[in-house]
Every structure is written in structure tokens, then in C-alpha cells.
Amino acid sequence: MLGVALVGFGSAGADEPTAVQLRERAIQFHRRAQERTGVLVPMYVYPENIHKNDAWNRLMDVKRRFETVPFWVIVNPASGPGQDVDANYTKAIDRLQGAGCVVLGYVTTSYGKRPIADVQADIDRWRKFYPRTHGIFFDEMIYEDTDAAAGHQVTLNRYAHEQGYWPTVANPGADTPGRYFAADAADVIVIHEADSWPTEAKLKGDYFGGYSDYPPFTRAVLVHSLAKFDPQPLQMVRRYARWVYLTEDPYRPNDPQADNPWDVVSKHLEATCEQLAKP
């Protein structure tokens, strides 16, 4: 299905699709539109002593307990693949796959400030250092509402696809103009990353220049700093986004004690999966 995935679901493309590609795109759309909601886990925990590592083993145990819930797990050795292979990450990726998780390699675009060649070099290193990685997670995606900005991200996304990566997920950390969905800037775009649940109006994206015309499986929601788990807003999110992750870990700007909300496995993970496993 990799070749089909590259066709995309937006209206923009370098070439007009053939009749066969259009047919395959429709078939894939049908299949993906019926997928369960899954978790998108930023696993920014170093996999030391991986066979006995509590955090990593808990993550994989939860996946095995909730086998019908899709798990996409982002790994991040050094704000990217780093400059050398880390054997601990090699084994961690192997074990994630053994548990049934899809593995995404972290790459930052610095909101479009990094040269395209540098981002592409990171993508190449993921393939060289950790060849079992499935997809790419573009963090700090550019989000300016211009053709040039969207084109910048499209170039990176196409390069990742050309190297055989699927899925690609992009996180702007801010509201995303609809043009990024239309242009196939990534297979999935994070439409909300904050310390509270998004409103239903935001999830709909039903406004001029919004993303209401693009399906739930192209959207993700990340929520940090949640002290308590509440199933009701999660059910609302499921109507509009297919990928979600909730954590109690706090983020506070300029606070070194709370500057990374993704460096623990969420205490809400089991409760989240219990809800997502329901019909």
C-alpha cells in the first residue's frame, strides 16, 4: 500500500493522477475512513536497558493489551536521528515493531528555517541508522498561510515519501491553514497541541480557509498538562481526529522543570486505550 499512500488525498500534485491512481486513491480513502482512532505517542524517553526499562515496557504492554488500538510511536534520539547509531534505539525500534507499533523518526524543520537539504539529510540518516523506522514526524512545521510556505513543507513530505516513508506526521504547534491539507503537506497534521482540550468549533475547522473538507484520518490532537482523565472530550475529539495523545506531564514556558511534556509515558494511556477500544 506504500505506493498508493503517496498519491495523497488533497487537490494538489506534481502530475495529474492516472485513472488507476484515482481508483486506488478512492479505495484507500474508503478503508482509512473506517479506521479506529489510535494513539500518537511522542516517546521522548531514552531506552536505557531496554529489556527492563519500565517506561518502554509499559508502553508495549499497553499495546498488547489493546491490540485493536493503533499505536504510532515517535522516537527521538537527538532532536533527530543524531550523528551515529545508538544501539539502544536500534533495539527499542525492533521491540516496538514486535509489539505491533508503527515507528516514526523525529525530524525538526524549525518552522521552515532549516535548509531543505539539512532536513533531507536527517531523513536519509533515519534510513541509514535505523532502517526499520516506518515514517517521519516533522516537528515545528511551518504554518504561514502562503503558497511558498506550504510548498516548502510539501517538498519535504514528498522527499520522505520518495525514500519509502509512510506515514508522515507534521506538527506546527499552531493553527494550520487548510492549504496544507489541500497540498498534502503530510499524511497527518497535528491540529492542536496545548494544555487543554480543543473546542468542537476548532476541531471542525468549518470556516473559510479551514480544514473541514479533509477527513479525520488526516488530523491529530496532542494534549499535555491534564491532571485528570475525562472521557467526554475524548469522545468529541474522536469525531474529528483519528490520532490523539493525552498526558498529565506539564509544560510551562521558561520552566526547566516542566519544559518537555513528552518525556514520560502518560498515566492516562490505559484509560485512553480503554475508550478507544470501544465501538
Protein backbone atom coordinates (compact mmCIF):
# COMPACT_ATOMS: atom_id res chain seq x y z
CA MET A 1 0.00 0.00 0.00
CA LEU A 2 3.00 2.37 0.18
CA GLY A 3 2.70 3.33 -3.45
CA VAL A 4 -0.98 4.09 -3.02
CA ALA A 5 -0.34 6.22 0.06
CA LEU A 6 1.89 8.52 -1.93
CA VAL A 7 -0.98 9.63 -4.16
CA GLY A 8 -2.47 11.66 -1.31
CA PHE A 9 -5.94 12.98 -0.60
CA GLY A 10 -5.64 16.67 -1.39
CA SER A 11 -6.21 18.56 -4.61
CA ALA A 12 -2.61 19.47 -5.41
CA GLY A 13 0.06 17.33 -7.05
CA ALA A 14 3.02 17.50 -9.37
CA ASP A 15 1.24 15.45 -12.07
CA GLU A 16 -2.34 14.66 -12.92
CA PRO A 17 -3.22 11.23 -11.47
CA THR A 18 -3.99 8.37 -13.82
CA ALA A 19 -7.32 6.55 -13.80
CA VAL A 20 -5.70 3.66 -11.94
CA GLN A 21 -4.29 6.00 -9.31
CA LEU A 22 -7.67 7.67 -8.87
CA ARG A 23 -9.30 4.30 -8.36
CA GLU A 24 -6.70 3.19 -5.85
CA ARG A 25 -6.98 6.51 -4.03
CA ALA A 26 -10.73 6.06 -3.69
CA ILE A 27 -10.28 2.51 -2.38
CA GLN A 28 -7.73 3.67 0.18
CA PHE A 29 -9.90 6.59 1.24
CA HIS A 30 -12.75 4.15 1.89
CA ARG A 31 -10.50 1.94 4.01
CA ARG A 32 -8.88 4.70 6.00
CA ALA A 33 -12.17 6.48 6.67
CA GLN A 34 -13.24 3.42 8.66
CA GLU A 35 -10.07 3.06 10.75
CA ARG A 36 -10.19 3.14 14.53
CA THR A 37 -8.86 6.15 16.38
CA GLY A 38 -5.30 5.46 17.52
CA VAL A 39 -2.66 6.99 19.76
CA LEU A 40 0.25 9.12 18.53
CA VAL A 41 2.85 8.77 21.27
CA PRO A 42 5.83 11.16 21.46
CA MET A 43 8.16 8.67 23.19
CA TYR A 44 10.96 11.02 24.21
CA VAL A 45 12.29 8.66 26.87
CA TYR A 46 15.80 7.27 26.48
CA PRO A 47 15.61 3.46 26.05
CA GLU A 48 18.35 2.57 28.50
CA ASN A 49 18.42 -1.13 29.43
CA ILE A 50 15.52 -1.66 27.04
CA HIS A 51 14.56 -5.16 28.18
CA LYS A 52 13.98 -3.91 31.73
CA ASN A 53 13.06 -0.29 31.04
CA ASP A 54 9.80 0.39 32.88
CA ALA A 55 8.52 3.14 30.59
CA TRP A 56 9.17 1.35 27.31
CA ASN A 57 7.88 -1.97 28.56
CA ARG A 58 4.73 -0.37 29.90
CA LEU A 59 4.09 1.25 26.52
CA MET A 60 4.49 -2.06 24.72
CA ASP A 61 2.42 -3.95 27.28
CA VAL A 62 -0.45 -1.50 26.83
CA LYS A 63 -0.30 -2.01 23.06
CA ARG A 64 -0.52 -5.77 23.54
CA ARG A 65 -3.46 -5.42 25.92
CA PHE A 66 -5.36 -3.19 23.49
CA GLU A 67 -4.41 -4.91 20.28
CA THR A 68 -7.16 -3.24 18.22
CA VAL A 69 -5.97 0.30 19.04
CA PRO A 70 -3.41 1.57 16.50
CA PHE A 71 -0.15 2.84 18.03
CA TRP A 72 2.11 5.28 16.20
CA VAL A 73 5.22 5.93 18.30
CA ILE A 74 7.65 8.81 17.67
CA VAL A 75 11.26 8.13 18.63
CA ASN A 76 13.82 10.90 19.03
CA PRO A 77 17.47 10.01 19.73
CA ALA A 78 18.91 13.56 19.46
CA SER A 79 16.30 16.04 18.20
CA GLY A 80 16.50 13.84 15.13
CA PRO A 81 18.46 10.70 14.25
CA GLY A 82 21.74 12.04 15.63
CA GLN A 83 25.15 11.62 14.03
CA ASP A 84 25.74 7.96 14.92
CA VAL A 85 23.76 4.80 15.51
CA ASP A 86 22.64 4.26 19.11
CA ALA A 87 22.26 0.52 19.73
CA ASN A 88 19.68 1.20 22.44
CA TYR A 89 17.41 2.88 19.90
CA THR A 90 18.00 0.12 17.36
CA LYS A 91 16.73 -2.43 19.87
CA ALA A 92 13.91 -0.16 21.05
CA ILE A 93 12.62 0.19 17.48
CA ASP A 94 12.84 -3.57 16.99
CA ARG A 95 10.84 -4.17 20.17
CA LEU A 96 8.21 -1.57 19.26
CA GLN A 97 7.64 -3.38 15.99
CA GLY A 98 7.47 -6.67 17.85
CA ALA A 99 4.61 -5.22 19.91
CA GLY A 100 2.75 -4.05 16.79
CA CYS A 101 3.63 -0.35 16.86
CA VAL A 102 4.31 1.85 13.83
CA VAL A 103 7.55 3.77 14.40
CA LEU A 104 8.13 7.38 13.30
CA GLY A 105 11.50 9.11 13.32
CA TYR A 106 11.66 12.67 14.66
CA VAL A 107 12.88 15.49 12.41
CA THR A 108 12.58 19.22 13.10
CA THR A 109 12.06 21.77 10.33
CA SER A 110 12.37 24.78 12.71
CA TYR A 111 9.25 26.37 11.19
CA GLY A 112 10.83 26.36 7.75
CA LYS A 113 14.10 27.94 8.90
CA ARG A 114 16.23 24.83 8.40
CA PRO A 115 17.51 24.45 4.85
CA ILE A 116 15.66 21.77 2.93
CA ALA A 117 18.93 19.92 2.34
CA ASP A 118 19.55 19.66 6.10
CA VAL A 119 16.10 18.20 6.75
CA GLN A 120 16.54 15.77 3.88
CA ALA A 121 19.88 14.72 5.34
CA ASP A 122 18.13 13.87 8.61
CA ILE A 123 15.61 11.78 6.70
CA ASP A 124 18.46 9.97 4.97
CA ARG A 125 20.16 9.29 8.31
CA TRP A 126 16.98 7.74 9.68
CA ARG A 127 17.07 5.26 6.79
CA LYS A 128 20.79 4.62 7.21
CA PHE A 129 20.92 4.38 11.02
CA TYR A 130 17.51 2.90 11.80
CA PRO A 131 16.21 1.18 8.65
CA ARG A 132 13.20 -0.37 10.40
CA THR A 133 11.64 3.04 11.02
CA HIS A 134 8.34 3.30 9.15
CA GLY A 135 7.59 7.03 8.97
CA ILE A 136 8.74 10.56 9.70
CA PHE A 137 7.46 13.05 12.27
CA PHE A 138 8.08 16.63 11.13
CA ASP A 139 8.09 18.79 14.25
CA GLU A 140 7.88 22.59 14.16
CA MET A 141 6.24 22.58 10.75
CA ILE A 142 5.99 25.94 9.02
CA TYR A 143 2.40 27.21 9.15
CA GLU A 144 2.32 30.56 7.36
CA ASP A 145 -0.76 30.89 5.16
CA THR A 146 1.12 31.29 1.88
CA ASP A 147 1.76 29.11 -1.15
CA ALA A 148 5.51 29.37 -0.60
CA ALA A 149 5.31 28.13 2.99
CA ALA A 150 3.04 25.22 2.11
CA GLY A 151 5.29 24.40 -0.83
CA HIS A 152 8.28 24.20 1.48
CA GLN A 153 6.60 21.52 3.60
CA VAL A 154 5.26 19.70 0.54
CA THR A 155 8.82 19.37 -0.77
CA LEU A 156 9.92 17.75 2.49
CA ASN A 157 6.91 15.46 2.58
CA ARG A 158 7.44 14.26 -0.97
CA TYR A 159 11.08 13.58 -0.24
CA ALA A 160 10.14 11.42 2.75
CA HIS A 161 7.64 9.51 0.63
CA GLU A 162 10.22 9.03 -2.11
CA GLN A 163 12.53 7.43 0.45
CA GLY A 164 9.78 4.94 1.29
CA TYR A 165 8.45 6.54 4.47
CA TRP A 166 4.82 6.26 5.50
CA PRO A 167 3.16 7.73 7.44
CA THR A 168 4.39 11.28 7.66
CA VAL A 169 3.04 13.42 10.50
CA ALA A 170 3.62 17.18 10.78
CA ASN A 171 3.21 19.28 13.91
CA PRO A 172 3.09 23.08 13.59
CA GLY A 173 2.16 23.64 17.24
CA ALA A 174 -0.34 26.23 16.00
CA ASP A 175 -3.49 26.51 13.89
CA THR A 176 -2.97 25.04 10.44
CA PRO A 177 -4.41 26.73 7.33
CA GLY A 178 -6.43 24.47 5.08
CA ARG A 179 -3.98 24.93 2.22
CA TYR A 180 -1.58 22.50 3.98
CA PHE A 181 -4.20 19.76 3.87
CA ALA A 182 -5.09 20.58 0.27
CA ALA A 183 -1.44 20.36 -0.77
CA ASP A 184 -0.73 17.04 1.00
CA ALA A 185 1.86 18.64 3.27
CA ALA A 186 1.81 15.45 5.39
CA ASP A 187 -0.29 12.33 5.74
CA VAL A 188 -1.43 13.60 9.16
CA ILE A 189 -1.23 17.12 10.62
CA VAL A 190 -1.45 17.91 14.34
CA ILE A 191 -4.24 20.48 14.54
CA HIS A 192 -4.00 21.05 18.30
CA GLU A 193 -1.16 20.89 20.83
CA ALA A 194 -1.96 22.60 24.13
CA ASP A 195 -2.62 22.22 27.86
CA SER A 196 -6.40 21.95 27.40
CA TRP A 197 -8.86 20.21 25.13
CA PRO A 198 -9.71 21.85 21.81
CA THR A 199 -13.19 23.27 21.30
CA GLU A 200 -15.55 21.49 18.94
CA ALA A 201 -15.52 24.55 16.67
CA LYS A 202 -11.74 24.28 16.33
CA LEU A 203 -11.93 20.56 15.67
CA LYS A 204 -14.46 21.10 12.91
CA GLY A 205 -12.30 23.69 11.16
CA ASP A 206 -15.51 24.78 9.44
CA TYR A 207 -14.55 28.23 8.21
CA PHE A 208 -13.11 29.80 5.08
CA GLY A 209 -9.54 28.56 4.82
CA GLY A 210 -10.16 25.83 7.42
CA TYR A 211 -9.76 22.08 7.13
CA SER A 212 -13.33 20.81 7.39
CA ASP A 213 -13.11 19.44 3.83
CA TYR A 214 -10.36 16.99 4.81
CA PRO A 215 -11.05 13.71 6.61
CA PRO A 216 -10.49 12.88 10.29
CA PHE A 217 -7.69 10.44 9.46
CA THR A 218 -5.56 13.40 8.36
CA ARG A 219 -5.76 15.08 11.80
CA ALA A 220 -4.15 14.55 15.22
CA VAL A 221 -4.60 16.12 18.66
CA LEU A 222 -1.98 16.32 21.44
CA VAL A 223 -2.92 17.50 24.94
CA HIS A 224 -0.46 17.88 27.82
CA SER A 225 -0.77 19.07 31.44
CA LEU A 226 -4.04 17.16 32.03
CA ALA A 227 -4.22 16.24 35.72
CA LYS A 228 -7.40 14.19 35.29
CA PHE A 229 -8.70 11.96 32.53
CA ASP A 230 -12.12 12.84 31.15
CA PRO A 231 -13.69 10.52 28.54
CA GLN A 232 -16.24 13.05 27.28
CA PRO A 233 -13.89 15.45 25.46
CA LEU A 234 -12.01 12.42 24.13
CA GLN A 235 -15.22 11.16 22.53
CA MET A 236 -15.70 14.58 20.96
CA VAL A 237 -12.16 14.56 19.57
CA ARG A 238 -12.78 11.14 18.02
CA ARG A 239 -15.43 12.63 15.75
CA TYR A 240 -12.89 14.90 14.08
CA ALA A 241 -9.40 13.40 14.53
CA ARG A 242 -8.03 9.87 14.24
CA TRP A 243 -4.87 10.34 16.26
CA VAL A 244 -4.70 11.51 19.86
CA TYR A 245 -2.42 11.52 22.88
CA LEU A 246 -3.09 12.84 26.38
CA THR A 247 -0.58 13.27 29.18
CA GLU A 248 -0.51 14.71 32.66
CA ASP A 249 3.10 15.82 32.17
CA PRO A 250 3.15 19.64 32.35
CA TYR A 251 4.62 22.19 30.02
CA ARG A 252 5.38 25.71 31.21
CA PRO A 253 7.41 28.11 29.09
CA ASN A 254 10.76 29.09 30.59
CA ASP A 255 10.50 26.44 33.32
CA PRO A 256 13.32 23.86 33.07
CA GLN A 257 11.37 21.58 35.43
CA ALA A 258 8.42 21.43 33.02
CA ASP A 259 9.86 22.10 29.59
CA ASN A 260 9.19 18.71 27.97
CA PRO A 261 5.72 17.21 28.41
CA TRP A 262 6.63 14.14 26.34
CA ASP A 263 9.43 12.67 28.48
CA VAL A 264 7.22 10.23 30.41
CA VAL A 265 4.63 7.68 29.36
CA SER A 266 1.26 9.17 30.20
CA LYS A 267 -0.62 7.88 33.22
CA HIS A 268 -3.73 8.33 31.05
CA LEU A 269 -2.57 5.86 28.39
CA GLU A 270 -4.53 2.86 29.66
CA ALA A 271 -7.71 4.90 30.18
CA THR A 272 -7.34 6.41 26.72
CA CYS A 273 -6.98 3.00 25.12
CA GLU A 274 -9.95 1.63 27.05
CA GLN A 275 -12.09 4.33 25.47
CA LEU A 276 -10.61 3.93 22.00
CA ALA A 277 -11.13 0.17 22.09
CA LYS A 278 -14.86 0.66 22.45
CA PRO A 279 -17.01 0.61 19.28
